[in-house]
PDB file of N, CA and C in Angstrom:
ATOM      1  N   MET A   1       0.819  -1.192   0.000  1.00  0.00           N
ATOM      2  CA  MET A   1       0.000   0.000   0.000  1.00  0.00           C
ATOM      3  C   MET A   1       0.873   1.271   0.000  1.00  0.00           C
ATOM      4  N   TYR A   2       1.879   1.297   0.870  1.00  0.00           N
ATOM      5  CA  TYR A   2       2.750   2.467   0.971  1.00  0.00           C
ATOM      6  C   TYR A   2       3.413   2.767  -0.372  1.00  0.00           C
ATOM      7  N   VAL A   3       3.967   1.733  -0.993  1.00  0.00           N
ATOM      8  CA  VAL A   3       4.648   1.913  -2.281  1.00  0.00           C
ATOM      9  C   VAL A   3       3.669   2.394  -3.340  1.00  0.00           C
ATOM     10  N   ALA A   4       2.460   1.846  -3.343  1.00  0.00           N
ATOM     11  CA  ALA A   4       1.452   2.269  -4.323  1.00  0.00           C
ATOM     12  C   ALA A   4       1.133   3.752  -4.172  1.00  0.00           C
ATOM     13  N   VAL A   5       1.055   4.226  -2.946  1.00  0.00           N
ATOM     14  CA  VAL A   5       0.726   5.636  -2.698  1.00  0.00           C
ATOM     15  C   VAL A   5       1.862   6.550  -3.143  1.00  0.00           C
ATOM     16  N   ILE A   6       3.093   6.205  -2.785  1.00  0.00           N
ATOM     17  CA  ILE A   6       4.200   7.119  -3.109  1.00  0.00           C
ATOM     18  C   ILE A   6       4.618   7.061  -4.571  1.00  0.00           C
ATOM     19  N   THR A   7       4.152   6.041  -5.302  1.00  0.00           N
ATOM     20  CA  THR A   7       4.542   5.934  -6.714  1.00  0.00           C
ATOM     21  C   THR A   7       3.394   6.166  -7.688  1.00  0.00           C
ATOM     22  N   GLU A   8       2.218   6.558  -7.189  1.00  0.00           N
ATOM     23  CA  GLU A   8       1.128   6.825  -8.131  1.00  0.00           C
ATOM     24  C   GLU A   8       1.472   8.058  -8.962  1.00  0.00           C
ATOM     25  N   ALA A   9       0.924   8.131 -10.151  1.00  0.00           N
ATOM     26  CA  ALA A   9       1.286   9.181 -11.116  1.00  0.00           C
ATOM     27  C   ALA A   9       1.112  10.586 -10.549  1.00  0.00           C
ATOM     28  N   GLU A  10       0.020  10.827  -9.844  1.00  0.00           N
ATOM     29  CA  GLU A  10      -0.228  12.160  -9.285  1.00  0.00           C
ATOM     30  C   GLU A  10       0.823  12.518  -8.240  1.00  0.00           C
ATOM     31  N   ALA A  11       1.179  11.545  -7.405  1.00  0.00           N
ATOM     32  CA  ALA A  11       2.188  11.790  -6.373  1.00  0.00           C
ATOM     33  C   ALA A  11       3.548  12.063  -7.006  1.00  0.00           C
ATOM     34  N   MET A  12       3.878  11.322  -8.049  1.00  0.00           N
ATOM     35  CA  MET A  12       5.153  11.536  -8.731  1.00  0.00           C
ATOM     36  C   MET A  12       5.221  12.937  -9.338  1.00  0.00           C
ATOM     37  N   GLY A  13       4.161  13.347  -9.999  1.00  0.00           N
ATOM     38  CA  GLY A  13       4.130  14.679 -10.591  1.00  0.00           C
ATOM     39  C   GLY A  13       4.261  15.765  -9.542  1.00  0.00           C
ATOM     40  N   LEU A  14       3.532  15.606  -8.446  1.00  0.00           N
ATOM     41  CA  LEU A  14       3.596  16.580  -7.359  1.00  0.00           C
ATOM     42  C   LEU A  14       4.997  16.608  -6.752  1.00  0.00           C
ATOM     43  N   ASN A  15       5.578  15.447  -6.539  1.00  0.00           N
ATOM     44  CA  ASN A  15       6.934  15.388  -5.981  1.00  0.00           C
ATOM     45  C   ASN A  15       7.951  16.059  -6.888  1.00  0.00           C
ATOM     46  N   ARG A  16       7.834  15.856  -8.180  1.00  0.00           N
ATOM     47  CA  ARG A  16       8.768  16.506  -9.115  1.00  0.00           C
ATOM     48  C   ARG A  16       8.658  18.026  -9.022  1.00  0.00           C
ATOM     49  N   MET A  17       7.425  18.517  -8.955  1.00  0.00           N
ATOM     50  CA  MET A  17       7.212  19.957  -8.866  1.00  0.00           C
ATOM     51  C   MET A  17       7.753  20.495  -7.539  1.00  0.00           C
ATOM     52  N   VAL A  18       7.414  19.822  -6.443  1.00  0.00           N
ATOM     53  CA  VAL A  18       7.819  20.285  -5.120  1.00  0.00           C
ATOM     54  C   VAL A  18       9.340  20.243  -4.975  1.00  0.00           C
ATOM     55  N   ILE A  19       9.952  19.152  -5.368  1.00  0.00           N
ATOM     56  CA  ILE A  19      11.401  19.035  -5.198  1.00  0.00           C
ATOM     57  C   ILE A  19      12.142  20.064  -6.042  1.00  0.00           C
ATOM     58  N   SER A  20      11.662  20.349  -7.234  1.00  0.00           N
ATOM     59  CA  SER A  20      12.328  21.375  -8.045  1.00  0.00           C
ATOM     60  C   SER A  20      12.255  22.734  -7.353  1.00  0.00           C
ATOM     61  N   GLU A  21      11.170  22.999  -6.668  1.00  0.00           N
ATOM     62  CA  GLU A  21      11.029  24.259  -5.936  1.00  0.00           C
ATOM     63  C   GLU A  21      11.902  24.263  -4.680  1.00  0.00           C
ATOM     64  N   LEU A  22      11.998  23.121  -4.008  1.00  0.00           N
ATOM     65  CA  LEU A  22      12.786  23.044  -2.780  1.00  0.00           C
ATOM     66  C   LEU A  22      14.268  23.258  -3.037  1.00  0.00           C
ATOM     67  N   LEU A  23      14.726  22.896  -4.217  1.00  0.00           N
ATOM     68  CA  LEU A  23      16.128  23.098  -4.555  1.00  0.00           C
ATOM     69  C   LEU A  23      16.488  24.580  -4.620  1.00  0.00           C
ATOM     70  N   ARG A  24      15.498  25.414  -4.810  1.00  0.00           N
ATOM     71  CA  ARG A  24      15.734  26.855  -4.930  1.00  0.00           C
ATOM     72  C   ARG A  24      15.658  27.588  -3.599  1.00  0.00           C
ATOM     73  N   ASP A  25      15.037  26.974  -2.579  1.00  0.00           N
ATOM     74  CA  ASP A  25      14.756  27.698  -1.343  1.00  0.00           C
ATOM     75  C   ASP A  25      15.039  26.799  -0.138  1.00  0.00           C
ATOM     76  N   LEU A  26      16.170  27.017   0.521  1.00  0.00           N
ATOM     77  CA  LEU A  26      16.598  26.175   1.634  1.00  0.00           C
ATOM     78  C   LEU A  26      15.621  26.227   2.814  1.00  0.00           C
ATOM     79  N   ASP A  27      15.098  27.397   3.139  1.00  0.00           N
ATOM     80  CA  ASP A  27      14.147  27.498   4.252  1.00  0.00           C
ATOM     81  C   ASP A  27      12.872  26.718   3.960  1.00  0.00           C
ATOM     82  N   ARG A  28      12.390  26.829   2.750  1.00  0.00           N
ATOM     83  CA  ARG A  28      11.194  26.084   2.354  1.00  0.00           C
ATOM     84  C   ARG A  28      11.479  24.581   2.390  1.00  0.00           C
ATOM     85  N   SER A  29      12.672  24.207   1.984  1.00  0.00           N
ATOM     86  CA  SER A  29      13.073  22.802   2.000  1.00  0.00           C
ATOM     87  C   SER A  29      13.076  22.255   3.426  1.00  0.00           C
ATOM     88  N   ARG A  30      13.619  23.011   4.359  1.00  0.00           N
ATOM     89  CA  ARG A  30      13.638  22.579   5.767  1.00  0.00           C
ATOM     90  C   ARG A  30      12.226  22.418   6.308  1.00  0.00           C
ATOM     91  N   ALA A  31      11.368  23.358   6.018  1.00  0.00           N
ATOM     92  CA  ALA A  31       9.981  23.276   6.486  1.00  0.00           C
ATOM     93  C   ALA A  31       9.270  22.073   5.876  1.00  0.00           C
ATOM     94  N   PHE A  32       9.515  21.827   4.611  1.00  0.00           N
ATOM     95  CA  PHE A  32       8.889  20.699   3.928  1.00  0.00           C
ATOM     96  C   PHE A  32       9.315  19.375   4.556  1.00  0.00           C
ATOM     97  N   PHE A  33      10.617  19.203   4.777  1.00  0.00           N
ATOM     98  CA  PHE A  33      11.094  17.940   5.329  1.00  0.00           C
ATOM     99  C   PHE A  33      10.659  17.752   6.774  1.00  0.00           C
ATOM    100  N   ALA A  34      10.511  18.826   7.528  1.00  0.00           N
ATOM    101  CA  ALA A  34       9.975  18.707   8.888  1.00  0.00           C
ATOM    102  C   ALA A  34       8.530  18.222   8.842  1.00  0.00           C
ATOM    103  N   GLU A  35       7.756  18.743   7.912  1.00  0.00           N
ATOM    104  CA  GLU A  35       6.362  18.311   7.755  1.00  0.00           C
ATOM    105  C   GLU A  35       6.285  16.880   7.247  1.00  0.00           C
ATOM    106  N   MET A  36       7.135  16.529   6.309  1.00  0.00           N
ATOM    107  CA  MET A  36       7.096  15.179   5.742  1.00  0.00           C
ATOM    108  C   MET A  36       7.416  14.115   6.783  1.00  0.00           C
ATOM    109  N   ALA A  37       8.218  14.453   7.772  1.00  0.00           N
ATOM    110  CA  ALA A  37       8.545  13.488   8.822  1.00  0.00           C
ATOM    111  C   ALA A  37       7.291  13.037   9.557  1.00  0.00           C
ATOM    112  N   THR A  38       6.292  13.903   9.639  1.00  0.00           N
ATOM    113  CA  THR A  38       5.053  13.527  10.331  1.00  0.00           C
ATOM    114  C   THR A  38       4.253  12.507   9.526  1.00  0.00           C
ATOM    115  N   HIS A  39       4.506  12.406   8.231  1.00  0.00           N
ATOM    116  CA  HIS A  39       3.777  11.450   7.397  1.00  0.00           C
ATOM    117  C   HIS A  39       4.253  10.018   7.619  1.00  0.00           C
ATOM    118  N   ASP A  40       5.414   9.864   8.235  1.00  0.00           N
ATOM    119  CA  ASP A  40       5.937   8.537   8.545  1.00  0.00           C
ATOM    120  C   ASP A  40       5.417   8.027   9.885  1.00  0.00           C
ATOM    121  N   TYR A  41       4.588   8.826  10.547  1.00  0.00           N
ATOM    122  CA  TYR A  41       4.100   8.514  11.889  1.00  0.00           C
ATOM    123  C   TYR A  41       3.472   7.130  12.010  1.00  0.00           C
ATOM    124  N   PRO A  42       2.595   6.696  11.104  1.00  0.00           N
ATOM    125  CA  PRO A  42       1.991   5.362  11.278  1.00  0.00           C
ATOM    126  C   PRO A  42       3.032   4.240  11.295  1.00  0.00           C
ATOM    127  N   ILE A  43       4.028   4.324  10.448  1.00  0.00           N
ATOM    128  CA  ILE A  43       5.059   3.286  10.415  1.00  0.00           C
ATOM    129  C   ILE A  43       5.940   3.395  11.652  1.00  0.00           C
ATOM    130  N   THR A  44       6.241   4.615  12.060  1.00  0.00           N
ATOM    131  CA  THR A  44       7.025   4.819  13.276  1.00  0.00           C
ATOM    132  C   THR A  44       6.297   4.236  14.479  1.00  0.00           C
ATOM    133  N   GLU A  45       5.000   4.470  14.564  1.00  0.00           N
ATOM    134  CA  GLU A  45       4.218   3.937  15.686  1.00  0.00           C
ATOM    135  C   GLU A  45       4.165   2.420  15.666  1.00  0.00           C
ATOM    136  N   LEU A  46       4.031   1.839  14.494  1.00  0.00           N
ATOM    137  CA  LEU A  46       4.025   0.380  14.367  1.00  0.00           C
ATOM    138  C   LEU A  46       5.349  -0.200  14.872  1.00  0.00           C
ATOM    139  N   ILE A  47       6.442   0.411  14.484  1.00  0.00           N
ATOM    140  CA  ILE A  47       7.762  -0.043  14.926  1.00  0.00           C
ATOM    141  C   ILE A  47       7.920   0.178  16.428  1.00  0.00           C
ATOM    142  N   LYS A  48       7.489   1.326  16.914  1.00  0.00           N
ATOM    143  CA  LYS A  48       7.564   1.622  18.355  1.00  0.00           C
ATOM    144  C   LYS A  48       6.781   0.592  19.154  1.00  0.00           C
ATOM    145  N   ASP A  49       5.576   0.276  18.713  1.00  0.00           N
ATOM    146  CA  ASP A  49       4.756  -0.720  19.405  1.00  0.00           C
ATOM    147  C   ASP A  49       5.429  -2.089  19.398  1.00  0.00           C
ATOM    148  N   ALA A  50       6.041  -2.454  18.276  1.00  0.00           N
ATOM    149  CA  ALA A  50       6.739  -3.741  18.191  1.00  0.00           C
ATOM    150  C   ALA A  50       7.948  -3.764  19.125  1.00  0.00           C
ATOM    151  N   MET A  51       8.631  -2.640  19.250  1.00  0.00           N
ATOM    152  CA  MET A  51       9.766  -2.559  20.170  1.00  0.00           C
ATOM    153  C   MET A  51       9.298  -2.686  21.613  1.00  0.00           C
ATOM    154  N   GLU A  52       8.217  -1.995  21.942  1.00  0.00           N
ATOM    155  CA  GLU A  52       7.690  -2.058  23.306  1.00  0.00           C
ATOM    156  C   GLU A  52       7.157  -3.445  23.647  1.00  0.00           C
ATOM    157  N   ALA A  53       6.653  -4.158  22.652  1.00  0.00           N
ATOM    158  CA  ALA A  53       6.124  -5.511  22.870  1.00  0.00           C
ATOM    159  C   ALA A  53       7.231  -6.561  22.895  1.00  0.00           C
ATOM    160  N   GLY A  54       8.455  -6.159  22.590  1.00  0.00           N
ATOM    161  CA  GLY A  54       9.570  -7.096  22.589  1.00  0.00           C
ATOM    162  C   GLY A  54       9.743  -7.855  21.285  1.00  0.00           C
ATOM    163  N   ALA A  55       8.969  -7.501  20.271  1.00  0.00           N
ATOM    164  CA  ALA A  55       9.084  -8.173  18.970  1.00  0.00           C
ATOM    165  C   ALA A  55      10.273  -7.651  18.167  1.00  0.00           C
ATOM    166  N   LEU A  56      10.697  -6.433  18.455  1.00  0.00           N
ATOM    167  CA  LEU A  56      11.886  -5.845  17.835  1.00  0.00           C
ATOM    168  C   LEU A  56      12.802  -5.334  18.941  1.00  0.00           C
ATOM    169  N   ARG A  57      14.091  -5.304  18.670  1.00  0.00           N
ATOM    170  CA  ARG A  57      15.074  -4.774  19.611  1.00  0.00           C
ATOM    171  C   ARG A  57      14.764  -3.302  19.885  1.00  0.00           C
ATOM    172  N   ARG A  58      14.882  -2.919  21.147  1.00  0.00           N
ATOM    173  CA  ARG A  58      14.617  -1.522  21.509  1.00  0.00           C
ATOM    174  C   ARG A  58      15.679  -0.604  20.908  1.00  0.00           C
ATOM    175  N   SER A  59      15.187   0.461  20.318  1.00  0.00           N
ATOM    176  CA  SER A  59      16.045   1.454  19.689  1.00  0.00           C
ATOM    177  C   SER A  59      15.185   2.691  19.457  1.00  0.00           C
ATOM    178  N   ASP A  60      15.689   3.639  18.719  1.00  0.00           N
ATOM    179  CA  ASP A  60      14.924   4.840  18.382  1.00  0.00           C
ATOM    180  C   ASP A  60      13.956   4.492  17.252  1.00  0.00           C
ATOM    181  N   PRO A  61      12.640   4.456  17.529  1.00  0.00           N
ATOM    182  CA  PRO A  61      11.689   4.050  16.490  1.00  0.00           C
ATOM    183  C   PRO A  61      11.658   4.993  15.286  1.00  0.00           C
ATOM    184  N   GLU A  62      11.903   6.277  15.494  1.00  0.00           N
ATOM    185  CA  GLU A  62      11.924   7.216  14.365  1.00  0.00           C
ATOM    186  C   GLU A  62      13.099   6.914  13.439  1.00  0.00           C
ATOM    187  N   PHE A  63      14.245   6.626  14.031  1.00  0.00           N
ATOM    188  CA  PHE A  63      15.426   6.291  13.235  1.00  0.00           C
ATOM    189  C   PHE A  63      15.209   4.973  12.503  1.00  0.00           C
ATOM    190  N   ALA A  64      14.638   3.992  13.198  1.00  0.00           N
ATOM    191  CA  ALA A  64      14.372   2.685  12.586  1.00  0.00           C
ATOM    192  C   ALA A  64      13.391   2.826  11.425  1.00  0.00           C
ATOM    193  N   ALA A  65      12.345   3.627  11.606  1.00  0.00           N
ATOM    194  CA  ALA A  65      11.377   3.849  10.527  1.00  0.00           C
ATOM    195  C   ALA A  65      12.053   4.523   9.340  1.00  0.00           C
ATOM    196  N   SER A  66      12.930   5.470   9.624  1.00  0.00           N
ATOM    197  CA  SER A  66      13.660   6.149   8.554  1.00  0.00           C
ATOM    198  C   SER A  66      14.542   5.167   7.786  1.00  0.00           C
ATOM    199  N   GLN A  67      15.152   4.234   8.492  1.00  0.00           N
ATOM    200  CA  GLN A  67      15.970   3.221   7.820  1.00  0.00           C
ATOM    201  C   GLN A  67      15.114   2.336   6.920  1.00  0.00           C
ATOM    202  N   LEU A  68      14.004   1.847   7.450  1.00  0.00           N
ATOM    203  CA  LEU A  68      13.132   0.972   6.666  1.00  0.00           C
ATOM    204  C   LEU A  68      12.583   1.704   5.443  1.00  0.00           C
ATOM    205  N   LEU A  69      12.087   2.912   5.652  1.00  0.00           N
ATOM    206  CA  LEU A  69      11.524   3.667   4.533  1.00  0.00           C
ATOM    207  C   LEU A  69      12.601   4.060   3.528  1.00  0.00           C
ATOM    208  N   GLY A  70      13.815   4.303   4.004  1.00  0.00           N
ATOM    209  CA  GLY A  70      14.920   4.594   3.095  1.00  0.00           C
ATOM    210  C   GLY A  70      15.206   3.421   2.170  1.00  0.00           C
ATOM    211  N   LEU A  71      15.183   2.213   2.729  1.00  0.00           N
ATOM    212  CA  LEU A  71      15.365   1.019   1.900  1.00  0.00           C
ATOM    213  C   LEU A  71      14.266   0.924   0.850  1.00  0.00           C
ATOM    214  N   VAL A  72      13.038   1.079   1.293  1.00  0.00           N
ATOM    215  CA  VAL A  72      11.890   0.944   0.388  1.00  0.00           C
ATOM    216  C   VAL A  72      11.930   2.015  -0.698  1.00  0.00           C
ATOM    217  N   LYS A  73      12.164   3.257  -0.307  1.00  0.00           N
ATOM    218  CA  LYS A  73      12.189   4.343  -1.292  1.00  0.00           C
ATOM    219  C   LYS A  73      13.344   4.190  -2.274  1.00  0.00           C
ATOM    220  N   ASN A  74      14.471   3.677  -1.796  1.00  0.00           N
ATOM    221  CA  ASN A  74      15.619   3.488  -2.676  1.00  0.00           C
ATOM    222  C   ASN A  74      15.292   2.566  -3.847  1.00  0.00           C
ATOM    223  N   PHE A  75      14.482   1.565  -3.619  1.00  0.00           N
ATOM    224  CA  PHE A  75      14.178   0.596  -4.671  1.00  0.00           C
ATOM    225  C   PHE A  75      12.876   0.868  -5.412  1.00  0.00           C
ATOM    226  N   PHE A  76      11.944   1.563  -4.786  1.00  0.00           N
ATOM    227  CA  PHE A  76      10.633   1.740  -5.412  1.00  0.00           C
ATOM    228  C   PHE A  76      10.334   3.184  -5.814  1.00  0.00           C
ATOM    229  N   PHE A  77      10.687   4.158  -4.982  1.00  0.00           N
ATOM    230  CA  PHE A  77      10.362   5.548  -5.288  1.00  0.00           C
ATOM    231  C   PHE A  77      11.381   6.176  -6.235  1.00  0.00           C
ATOM    232  N   TRP A  78      12.661   6.155  -5.855  1.00  0.00           N
ATOM    233  CA  TRP A  78      13.670   6.888  -6.616  1.00  0.00           C
ATOM    234  C   TRP A  78      13.846   6.400  -8.048  1.00  0.00           C
ATOM    235  N   PRO A  79      13.859   5.089  -8.316  1.00  0.00           N
ATOM    236  CA  PRO A  79      13.969   4.680  -9.724  1.00  0.00           C
ATOM    237  C   PRO A  79      12.813   5.197 -10.578  1.00  0.00           C
ATOM    238  N   GLU A  80      11.621   5.202 -10.014  1.00  0.00           N
ATOM    239  CA  GLU A  80      10.483   5.704 -10.787  1.00  0.00           C
ATOM    240  C   GLU A  80      10.519   7.221 -10.889  1.00  0.00           C
ATOM    241  N   PHE A  81      10.876   7.885  -9.798  1.00  0.00           N
ATOM    242  CA  PHE A  81      10.927   9.342  -9.785  1.00  0.00           C
ATOM    243  C   PHE A  81      11.969   9.869 -10.767  1.00  0.00           C
ATOM    244  N   LEU A  82      13.151   9.295 -10.739  1.00  0.00           N
ATOM    245  CA  LEU A  82      14.251   9.808 -11.551  1.00  0.00           C
ATOM    246  C   LEU A  82      14.319   9.226 -12.954  1.00  0.00           C
ATOM    247  N   LEU A  83      13.903   7.963 -13.108  1.00  0.00           N
ATOM    248  CA  LEU A  83      14.083   7.276 -14.386  1.00  0.00           C
ATOM    249  C   LEU A  83      12.788   6.839 -15.048  1.00  0.00           C
ATOM    250  N   GLY A  84      11.669   6.963 -14.330  1.00  0.00           N
ATOM    251  CA  GLY A  84      10.395   6.508 -14.872  1.00  0.00           C
ATOM    252  C   GLY A  84      10.286   4.997 -14.957  1.00  0.00           C
ATOM    253  N   GLU A  85      11.083   4.289 -14.155  1.00  0.00           N
ATOM    254  CA  GLU A  85      11.099   2.829 -14.199  1.00  0.00           C
ATOM    255  C   GLU A  85      10.498   2.241 -12.931  1.00  0.00           C
ATOM    256  N   LYS A  86       9.440   1.449 -13.102  1.00  0.00           N
ATOM    257  CA  LYS A  86       8.842   0.747 -11.968  1.00  0.00           C
ATOM    258  C   LYS A  86       9.601  -0.547 -11.725  1.00  0.00           C
ATOM    259  N   LEU A  87       9.882  -0.826 -10.463  1.00  0.00           N
ATOM    260  CA  LEU A  87      10.510  -2.086 -10.101  1.00  0.00           C
ATOM    261  C   LEU A  87       9.411  -3.116  -9.903  1.00  0.00           C
ATOM    262  N   THR A  88       9.502  -4.224 -10.579  1.00  0.00           N
ATOM    263  CA  THR A  88       8.421  -5.205 -10.535  1.00  0.00           C
ATOM    264  C   THR A  88       8.741  -6.428  -9.693  1.00  0.00           C
ATOM    265  N   SER A  89       9.951  -6.568  -9.234  1.00  0.00           N
ATOM    266  CA  SER A  89      10.341  -7.767  -8.493  1.00  0.00           C
ATOM    267  C   SER A  89       9.695  -7.794  -7.115  1.00  0.00           C
ATOM    268  N   GLU A  90       8.898  -8.821  -6.887  1.00  0.00           N
ATOM    269  CA  GLU A  90       8.268  -8.997  -5.580  1.00  0.00           C
ATOM    270  C   GLU A  90       9.309  -9.242  -4.496  1.00  0.00           C
ATOM    271  N   GLY A  91      10.396  -9.887  -4.843  1.00  0.00           N
ATOM    272  CA  GLY A  91      11.401 -10.239  -3.856  1.00  0.00           C
ATOM    273  C   GLY A  91      12.114  -9.058  -3.239  1.00  0.00           C
ATOM    274  N   VAL A  92      12.094  -7.913  -3.897  1.00  0.00           N
ATOM    275  CA  VAL A  92      12.811  -6.747  -3.390  1.00  0.00           C
ATOM    276  C   VAL A  92      12.203  -6.266  -2.077  1.00  0.00           C
ATOM    277  N   MET A  93      10.890  -6.194  -1.991  1.00  0.00           N
ATOM    278  CA  MET A  93      10.252  -5.747  -0.751  1.00  0.00           C
ATOM    279  C   MET A  93      10.571  -6.718   0.382  1.00  0.00           C
ATOM    280  N   GLN A  94      10.502  -8.008   0.101  1.00  0.00           N
ATOM    281  CA  GLN A  94      10.826  -8.992   1.129  1.00  0.00           C
ATOM    282  C   GLN A  94      12.278  -8.840   1.585  1.00  0.00           C
ATOM    283  N   ASP A  95      13.171  -8.539   0.648  1.00  0.00           N
ATOM    284  CA  ASP A  95      14.571  -8.325   1.016  1.00  0.00           C
ATOM    285  C   ASP A  95      14.731  -7.097   1.909  1.00  0.00           C
ATOM    286  N   CYS A  96      14.013  -6.023   1.599  1.00  0.00           N
ATOM    287  CA  CYS A  96      14.069  -4.811   2.427  1.00  0.00           C
ATOM    288  C   CYS A  96      13.615  -5.122   3.850  1.00  0.00           C
ATOM    289  N   VAL A  97      12.508  -5.817   3.963  1.00  0.00           N
ATOM    290  CA  VAL A  97      11.967  -6.161   5.281  1.00  0.00           C
ATOM    291  C   VAL A  97      12.913  -7.118   6.004  1.00  0.00           C
ATOM    292  N   ALA A  98      13.442  -8.105   5.287  1.00  0.00           N
ATOM    293  CA  ALA A  98      14.368  -9.064   5.905  1.00  0.00           C
ATOM    294  C   ALA A  98      15.619  -8.358   6.426  1.00  0.00           C
ATOM    295  N   MET A  99      16.138  -7.403   5.662  1.00  0.00           N
ATOM    296  CA  MET A  99      17.318  -6.665   6.097  1.00  0.00           C
ATOM    297  C   MET A  99      17.000  -5.859   7.356  1.00  0.00           C
ATOM    298  N   PHE A 100      15.862  -5.194   7.359  1.00  0.00           N
ATOM    299  CA  PHE A 100      15.436  -4.420   8.525  1.00  0.00           C
ATOM    300  C   PHE A 100      15.291  -5.326   9.744  1.00  0.00           C
ATOM    301  N   LEU A 101      14.597  -6.444   9.560  1.00  0.00           N
ATOM    302  CA  LEU A 101      14.357  -7.358  10.678  1.00  0.00           C
ATOM    303  C   LEU A 101      15.648  -7.997  11.178  1.00  0.00           C
ATOM    304  N   SER A 102      16.596  -8.256  10.284  1.00  0.00           N
ATOM    305  CA  SER A 102      17.860  -8.854  10.732  1.00  0.00           C
ATOM    306  C   SER A 102      18.612  -7.898  11.655  1.00  0.00           C
ATOM    307  N   HIS A 103      18.454  -6.610  11.444  1.00  0.00           N
ATOM    308  CA  HIS A 103      19.121  -5.623  12.297  1.00  0.00           C
ATOM    309  C   HIS A 103      18.367  -5.400  13.607  1.00  0.00           C
ATOM    310  N   TYR A 104      17.061  -5.443  13.570  1.00  0.00           N
ATOM    311  CA  TYR A 104      16.259  -5.118  14.749  1.00  0.00           C
ATOM    312  C   TYR A 104      15.676  -6.332  15.461  1.00  0.00           C
ATOM    313  N   LYS A 105      16.117  -7.535  15.074  1.00  0.00           N
ATOM    314  CA  LYS A 105      15.603  -8.723  15.763  1.00  0.00           C
ATOM    315  C   LYS A 105      16.051  -8.682  17.222  1.00  0.00           C
ATOM    316  N   THR A 106      15.259  -9.314  18.058  1.00  0.00           N
ATOM    317  CA  THR A 106      15.601  -9.352  19.476  1.00  0.00           C
ATOM    318  C   THR A 106      16.672 -10.406  19.704  1.00  0.00           C
ATOM    319  N   ASP A 107      17.455 -10.204  20.737  1.00  0.00           N
ATOM    320  CA  ASP A 107      18.480 -11.193  21.084  1.00  0.00           C
ATOM    321  C   ASP A 107      17.808 -12.452  21.615  1.00  0.00           C
ATOM    322  N   PRO A 108      18.356 -13.620  21.244  1.00  0.00           N
ATOM    323  CA  PRO A 108      17.743 -14.878  21.716  1.00  0.00           C
ATOM    324  C   PRO A 108      17.889 -15.076  23.207  1.00  0.00           C
TER     325      PRO A 108
END
């Protein structure tokens, strides 16, 4: 669902317009990225809850969410945003999640 939302045609067009404007104005760029951090809240909360429940190693949930989303965006958002190429491999998402989980797994 997350990948579908960030890669839909309307979102891509809006992102291209916004990012081109942000490159011109550092203050606007800072404000934009501060606001965008709040959009990761549901994933951050999911990770935080998993950490509190002992399903994931305790750490900074915001940082962990940023790592997971960075992996996902690297393979799904940026190739489409910059090159117009959709990644179709189902295994890539599983690899992103597996890499994240291997780092945040709880100690036995």
